[in-house]
């Protein structure tokens, strides 16, 4: 039987978790931890990527363009951030301000983006890692412009081509290299597709679950595997990292993307969220993996989590 991309993600991450060396799940803590997921946390930050801006075309263009550059957490320690804002919110705020000043994002504009354009939008210093990230942003935005050319330069046409399927949207976005979030672990192909999945989730939020935001399989999205949610799970004791990996994280080493420890952090974290989703259901609750991800991502804005270093990987996938 053929399985879609979302099923393949779950299967592969479970296989990684079963043989992991550096990252393990504390199964005894899952039940009690699941009970905390329905509790409101003090730190909830409004996400610009999930707010509607303008008409259908403008709103879809903004959401998808922001998710095209929704990466760089490994570079964030080196960025110039807006006062009081994280790296992600600095980037999101810069792109939103560009739209406010100059009008909606179009495919024609995207195809012309260069490093100078990105520096103007995101106001970054002339330093190695900041400029490296601006270069990657420029590539990602130009790639998106070329991609949308195949849909008559219309973001609405692209979203409608998914036929209300988040899995189909993920598979379409996989045609762009920076969305092709596919690792290899001990000979096993491990799809993760953080940004492609979150694009469907963000569109659903921006369009309130209807029309361009209606995805009939939205509930099947997994966790959006990055470096924050596994960090929250580690701080809260659900994930246990090896001593050597913790030492590397505390030194702010670059945990190389695609290395065994990096793949384990993301894949085992994703599998842990799947187990938490089942635990919530067993308790009589109803949360999708994507909703659990949002709770944990917002939880990560708290001082307790910010006081402890999380892993950093300089990659285009998160």
Protein backbone atom coordinates (compact mmCIF):
# COMPACT_ATOMS: atom_id res chain seq x y z
CA UNK A 1 0.00 0.00 0.00
CA UNK A 2 1.32 3.43 -0.96
CA UNK A 3 1.63 5.87 1.94
CA UNK A 4 1.68 9.64 1.72
CA UNK A 5 4.43 11.93 2.98
CA UNK A 6 2.84 12.47 6.40
CA UNK A 7 2.69 8.72 7.08
CA UNK A 8 6.29 8.33 5.92
CA UNK A 9 7.43 11.06 8.33
CA UNK A 10 5.82 9.29 11.28
CA UNK A 11 7.17 5.88 10.36
CA UNK A 12 10.73 7.09 9.80
CA UNK A 13 10.85 9.13 13.03
CA UNK A 14 9.59 6.17 15.05
CA UNK A 15 12.38 4.09 13.51
CA UNK A 16 14.99 6.69 14.44
CA UNK A 17 13.66 6.81 18.02
CA UNK A 18 13.91 3.03 18.31
CA UNK A 19 17.66 3.02 17.60
CA UNK A 20 18.77 6.48 18.77
CA UNK A 21 22.07 6.96 20.59
CA UNK A 22 22.04 10.62 21.62
CA UNK A 23 18.36 11.39 22.32
CA UNK A 24 15.84 9.30 24.24
CA UNK A 25 12.24 9.66 25.39
CA UNK A 26 11.37 9.28 29.07
CA UNK A 27 8.17 7.31 28.53
CA UNK A 28 7.22 7.43 32.21
CA UNK A 29 6.75 11.20 31.99
CA UNK A 30 4.49 11.28 28.96
CA UNK A 31 1.16 10.85 30.77
CA UNK A 32 1.68 13.59 33.34
CA UNK A 33 3.24 15.90 30.79
CA UNK A 34 0.27 15.45 28.46
CA UNK A 35 -1.95 16.87 31.21
CA UNK A 36 -0.03 20.15 31.10
CA UNK A 37 -0.66 20.73 27.40
CA UNK A 38 -4.17 22.09 27.90
CA UNK A 39 -2.95 24.63 30.46
CA UNK A 40 -2.60 28.20 29.21
CA UNK A 41 0.93 29.54 29.43
CA UNK A 42 1.74 33.14 30.22
CA UNK A 43 4.11 33.52 27.25
CA UNK A 44 1.96 33.49 24.09
CA UNK A 45 3.30 35.55 21.22
CA UNK A 46 1.15 36.52 18.26
CA UNK A 47 2.59 34.97 15.11
CA UNK A 48 2.73 37.35 12.11
CA UNK A 49 2.85 34.35 9.80
CA UNK A 50 -0.64 33.31 10.86
CA UNK A 51 -2.39 36.65 10.37
CA UNK A 52 -4.31 37.54 7.24
CA UNK A 53 -2.90 40.52 5.35
CA UNK A 54 -4.84 41.95 2.37
CA UNK A 55 -6.89 40.04 -0.21
CA UNK A 56 -6.60 36.32 -0.88
CA UNK A 57 -3.61 36.62 -3.23
CA UNK A 58 -1.75 39.04 -0.96
CA UNK A 59 -2.41 36.97 2.16
CA UNK A 60 -1.36 33.68 0.56
CA UNK A 61 1.77 35.32 -0.89
CA UNK A 62 2.82 36.69 2.49
CA UNK A 63 2.30 33.44 4.39
CA UNK A 64 4.13 31.33 1.82
CA UNK A 65 6.97 33.83 1.34
CA UNK A 66 7.55 34.04 5.09
CA UNK A 67 7.62 30.25 5.35
CA UNK A 68 10.08 30.16 2.44
CA UNK A 69 12.54 31.98 4.73
CA UNK A 70 11.33 30.50 8.01
CA UNK A 71 14.78 29.13 8.76
CA UNK A 72 18.09 30.25 10.16
CA UNK A 73 17.74 29.51 13.88
CA UNK A 74 21.39 28.39 13.82
CA UNK A 75 22.30 31.88 12.63
CA UNK A 76 20.06 33.80 15.04
CA UNK A 77 22.74 34.32 17.74
CA UNK A 78 24.63 36.38 15.16
CA UNK A 79 21.74 38.50 13.86
CA UNK A 80 20.78 42.04 14.78
CA UNK A 81 17.38 41.54 16.36
CA UNK A 82 14.61 44.01 16.92
CA UNK A 83 14.32 45.11 20.52
CA UNK A 84 12.63 42.46 22.62
CA UNK A 85 12.04 40.14 19.67
CA UNK A 86 13.38 36.72 18.74
CA UNK A 87 15.16 35.96 15.48
CA UNK A 88 11.98 34.62 13.90
CA UNK A 89 9.89 37.62 14.93
CA UNK A 90 12.63 39.96 13.71
CA UNK A 91 12.48 38.32 10.27
CA UNK A 92 8.67 38.18 10.21
CA UNK A 93 8.40 41.79 11.29
CA UNK A 94 10.82 42.91 8.59
CA UNK A 95 8.89 41.15 5.83
CA UNK A 96 5.56 42.48 7.10
CA UNK A 97 6.95 46.02 7.19
CA UNK A 98 8.11 45.63 3.60
CA UNK A 99 4.55 44.73 2.57
CA UNK A 100 3.11 47.63 4.54
CA UNK A 101 5.46 50.10 2.85
CA UNK A 102 5.60 48.73 -0.69
CA UNK A 103 2.51 46.59 -1.20
CA UNK A 104 1.87 42.86 -1.62
CA UNK A 105 4.54 40.32 -2.46
CA UNK A 106 4.43 39.24 -6.11
CA UNK A 107 6.19 36.51 -8.04
CA UNK A 108 7.84 39.13 -10.27
CA UNK A 109 9.35 40.85 -7.24
CA UNK A 110 10.51 37.57 -5.72
CA UNK A 111 12.46 36.65 -8.84
CA UNK A 112 14.47 39.87 -8.51
CA UNK A 113 15.40 39.57 -4.81
CA UNK A 114 19.10 39.70 -4.03
CA UNK A 115 21.26 40.05 -0.92
CA UNK A 116 21.00 43.84 -1.01
CA UNK A 117 17.21 43.56 -1.00
CA UNK A 118 17.32 41.21 1.99
CA UNK A 119 19.61 43.54 3.92
CA UNK A 120 17.22 46.42 3.28
CA UNK A 121 14.26 44.37 4.52
CA UNK A 122 15.87 42.69 7.52
CA UNK A 123 18.46 45.34 8.52
CA UNK A 124 21.40 43.03 9.13
CA UNK A 125 25.06 43.85 9.85
CA UNK A 126 27.92 43.19 7.46
CA UNK A 127 29.17 40.16 9.37
CA UNK A 128 29.91 36.64 8.15
CA UNK A 129 26.93 34.68 9.44
CA UNK A 130 24.38 37.48 9.06
CA UNK A 131 25.36 37.93 5.42
CA UNK A 132 25.46 34.18 4.86
CA UNK A 133 21.85 34.00 6.01
CA UNK A 134 20.82 36.97 3.86
CA UNK A 135 22.32 35.15 0.87
CA UNK A 136 20.27 32.05 1.68
CA UNK A 137 17.12 34.15 2.11
CA UNK A 138 17.69 35.67 -1.34
CA UNK A 139 18.03 32.22 -2.92
CA UNK A 140 14.92 30.95 -1.14
CA UNK A 141 12.79 33.90 -2.26
CA UNK A 142 13.99 33.71 -5.87
CA UNK A 143 13.30 29.96 -5.89
CA UNK A 144 9.77 30.67 -4.69
CA UNK A 145 9.27 33.21 -7.46
CA UNK A 146 10.38 30.65 -10.05
CA UNK A 147 8.20 27.99 -8.45
CA UNK A 148 5.05 30.14 -8.55
CA UNK A 149 5.70 30.88 -12.23
CA UNK A 150 4.45 27.33 -12.80
CA UNK A 151 1.09 28.40 -11.36
CA UNK A 152 0.61 31.48 -13.57
CA UNK A 153 2.42 33.63 -10.97
CA UNK A 154 -0.53 33.15 -8.62
CA UNK A 155 -0.22 31.99 -5.02
CA UNK A 156 -3.96 31.38 -4.93
CA UNK A 157 -3.66 29.05 -7.93
CA UNK A 158 -0.83 27.20 -6.22
CA UNK A 159 -2.77 26.68 -2.97
CA UNK A 160 -5.88 25.56 -4.87
CA UNK A 161 -3.74 22.99 -6.72
CA UNK A 162 -3.33 21.15 -3.42
CA UNK A 163 -7.05 20.30 -3.57
CA UNK A 164 -7.49 20.94 0.18
CA UNK A 165 -4.77 18.43 1.09
CA UNK A 166 -1.91 19.41 3.38
CA UNK A 167 0.00 16.32 2.28
CA UNK A 168 -0.35 17.41 -1.33
CA UNK A 169 0.86 20.92 -0.44
CA UNK A 170 3.94 19.43 1.24
CA UNK A 171 4.65 17.27 -1.80
CA UNK A 172 4.36 20.29 -4.11
CA UNK A 173 6.68 22.44 -2.00
CA UNK A 174 9.24 19.61 -2.05
CA UNK A 175 10.06 20.71 -5.60
CA UNK A 176 12.07 23.61 -4.09
CA UNK A 177 15.47 22.55 -2.70
CA UNK A 178 15.20 24.54 0.53
CA UNK A 179 11.88 22.86 1.33
CA UNK A 180 13.27 19.36 0.63
CA UNK A 181 13.80 18.52 4.29
CA UNK A 182 14.93 14.93 3.89
CA UNK A 183 17.73 13.42 6.01
CA UNK A 184 19.56 10.12 5.87
CA UNK A 185 20.15 8.28 9.14
CA UNK A 186 22.07 4.99 9.20
CA UNK A 187 20.83 4.22 5.67
CA UNK A 188 17.24 5.20 6.53
CA UNK A 189 15.52 8.01 4.60
CA UNK A 190 14.02 10.39 7.20
CA UNK A 191 11.59 12.98 5.83
CA UNK A 192 10.82 15.83 8.26
CA UNK A 193 9.50 18.69 6.10
CA UNK A 194 9.21 21.23 8.90
CA UNK A 195 8.63 24.31 6.75
CA UNK A 196 6.44 22.63 4.14
CA UNK A 197 4.13 21.31 6.86
CA UNK A 198 4.00 24.57 8.76
CA UNK A 199 3.04 26.37 5.53
CA UNK A 200 -0.21 24.39 5.46
CA UNK A 201 -0.78 25.06 9.16
CA UNK A 202 -0.10 28.79 8.74
CA UNK A 203 -2.44 29.05 5.75
CA UNK A 204 -5.15 27.34 7.78
CA UNK A 205 -4.71 29.88 10.56
CA UNK A 206 -4.54 32.91 8.25
CA UNK A 207 -7.68 31.87 6.37
CA UNK A 208 -9.55 30.60 9.45
CA UNK A 209 -9.78 27.06 8.11
CA UNK A 210 -11.92 27.90 5.10
CA UNK A 211 -11.33 28.25 1.35
CA UNK A 212 -7.53 28.64 0.94
CA UNK A 213 -7.14 27.60 4.58
CA UNK A 214 -9.18 24.42 4.31
CA UNK A 215 -7.07 21.29 4.43
CA UNK A 216 -9.10 18.17 5.05
CA UNK A 217 -6.07 16.33 6.43
CA UNK A 218 -4.72 19.20 8.54
CA UNK A 219 -5.12 17.05 11.67
CA UNK A 220 -2.53 14.67 10.23
CA UNK A 221 0.34 17.16 10.24
CA UNK A 222 3.18 16.21 12.57
CA UNK A 223 5.23 18.42 14.86
CA UNK A 224 7.18 21.05 12.93
CA UNK A 225 10.62 19.72 13.76
CA UNK A 226 12.97 22.56 14.69
CA UNK A 227 15.33 23.36 17.55
CA UNK A 228 12.87 24.92 20.02
CA UNK A 229 10.24 22.26 20.66
CA UNK A 230 12.82 19.50 21.33
CA UNK A 231 14.56 21.97 23.64
CA UNK A 232 11.34 22.53 25.60
CA UNK A 233 10.84 18.78 25.87
CA UNK A 234 14.42 18.35 27.11
CA UNK A 235 14.12 21.10 29.72
CA UNK A 236 10.84 19.57 30.91
CA UNK A 237 12.39 16.11 31.16
CA UNK A 238 10.47 14.36 28.38
CA UNK A 239 13.60 14.07 26.24
CA UNK A 240 17.01 13.07 27.57
CA UNK A 241 20.14 14.04 25.65
CA UNK A 242 23.52 12.36 26.06
CA UNK A 243 26.05 14.21 28.21
CA UNK A 244 28.32 14.77 25.22
CA UNK A 245 25.50 16.30 23.18
CA UNK A 246 24.48 18.57 26.05
CA UNK A 247 28.08 19.77 26.37
CA UNK A 248 28.20 20.60 22.67
CA UNK A 249 24.93 22.50 22.89
CA UNK A 250 26.13 24.48 25.89
CA UNK A 251 29.29 25.44 23.97
CA UNK A 252 27.02 26.67 21.15
CA UNK A 253 28.74 24.30 18.74
CA UNK A 254 27.23 24.01 15.29
CA UNK A 255 25.41 20.66 15.46
CA UNK A 256 25.87 19.82 11.80
CA UNK A 257 22.64 19.43 9.88
CA UNK A 258 22.21 15.82 8.80
CA UNK A 259 24.55 14.45 11.48
CA UNK A 260 23.25 11.64 13.68
CA UNK A 261 22.72 13.79 16.79
CA UNK A 262 20.96 16.52 14.79
CA UNK A 263 18.63 14.08 13.05
CA UNK A 264 17.89 12.39 16.38
CA UNK A 265 17.01 15.68 18.09
CA UNK A 266 14.42 16.46 15.44
CA UNK A 267 13.12 12.96 14.70
CA UNK A 268 12.91 11.73 18.31
CA UNK A 269 11.34 15.06 19.28
CA UNK A 270 8.73 14.57 16.57
CA UNK A 271 8.02 11.02 17.71
CA UNK A 272 7.69 12.23 21.31
CA UNK A 273 4.99 14.68 20.21
CA UNK A 274 3.18 11.82 18.48
CA UNK A 275 3.23 9.89 21.75
CA UNK A 276 2.01 12.97 23.61
CA UNK A 277 -0.84 13.33 21.14
CA UNK A 278 -1.88 9.74 21.88
CA UNK A 279 -1.56 10.39 25.62
CA UNK A 280 -3.82 13.45 25.36
CA UNK A 281 -6.40 11.33 23.53
CA UNK A 282 -6.16 8.62 26.21
CA UNK A 283 -6.95 11.29 28.80
CA UNK A 284 -10.11 12.23 26.90
CA UNK A 285 -8.63 15.31 25.28
CA UNK A 286 -8.41 16.32 21.65
CA UNK A 287 -5.25 17.94 20.29
CA UNK A 288 -3.46 17.45 17.02
CA UNK A 289 0.30 17.18 16.82
CA UNK A 290 0.39 20.61 15.18
CA UNK A 291 -1.57 22.11 18.07
CA UNK A 292 0.77 20.50 20.60
CA UNK A 293 3.69 21.95 18.66
CA UNK A 294 2.17 25.44 18.96
CA UNK A 295 1.69 25.07 22.72
CA UNK A 296 5.28 23.93 23.21
CA UNK A 297 6.70 26.57 20.84
CA UNK A 298 4.96 29.32 22.81
CA UNK A 299 6.07 27.70 26.06
CA UNK A 300 9.63 28.01 24.82
CA UNK A 301 9.37 31.82 25.01
CA UNK A 302 9.41 31.58 28.80
CA UNK A 303 12.43 32.67 30.82
CA UNK A 304 13.05 29.15 32.11
CA UNK A 305 13.67 27.85 28.59
CA UNK A 306 15.58 30.89 27.37
CA UNK A 307 18.04 30.55 30.26
CA UNK A 308 19.28 27.21 28.90
CA UNK A 309 21.02 26.95 25.49
CA UNK A 310 19.26 25.00 22.77
CA UNK A 311 20.96 23.28 19.88
CA UNK A 312 22.07 25.40 16.92
CA UNK A 313 22.45 24.07 13.39
CA UNK A 314 23.17 26.37 10.48
CA UNK A 315 20.66 24.96 8.01
CA UNK A 316 17.90 26.05 5.64
CA UNK A 317 15.38 23.63 7.09
CA UNK A 318 14.58 25.42 10.40
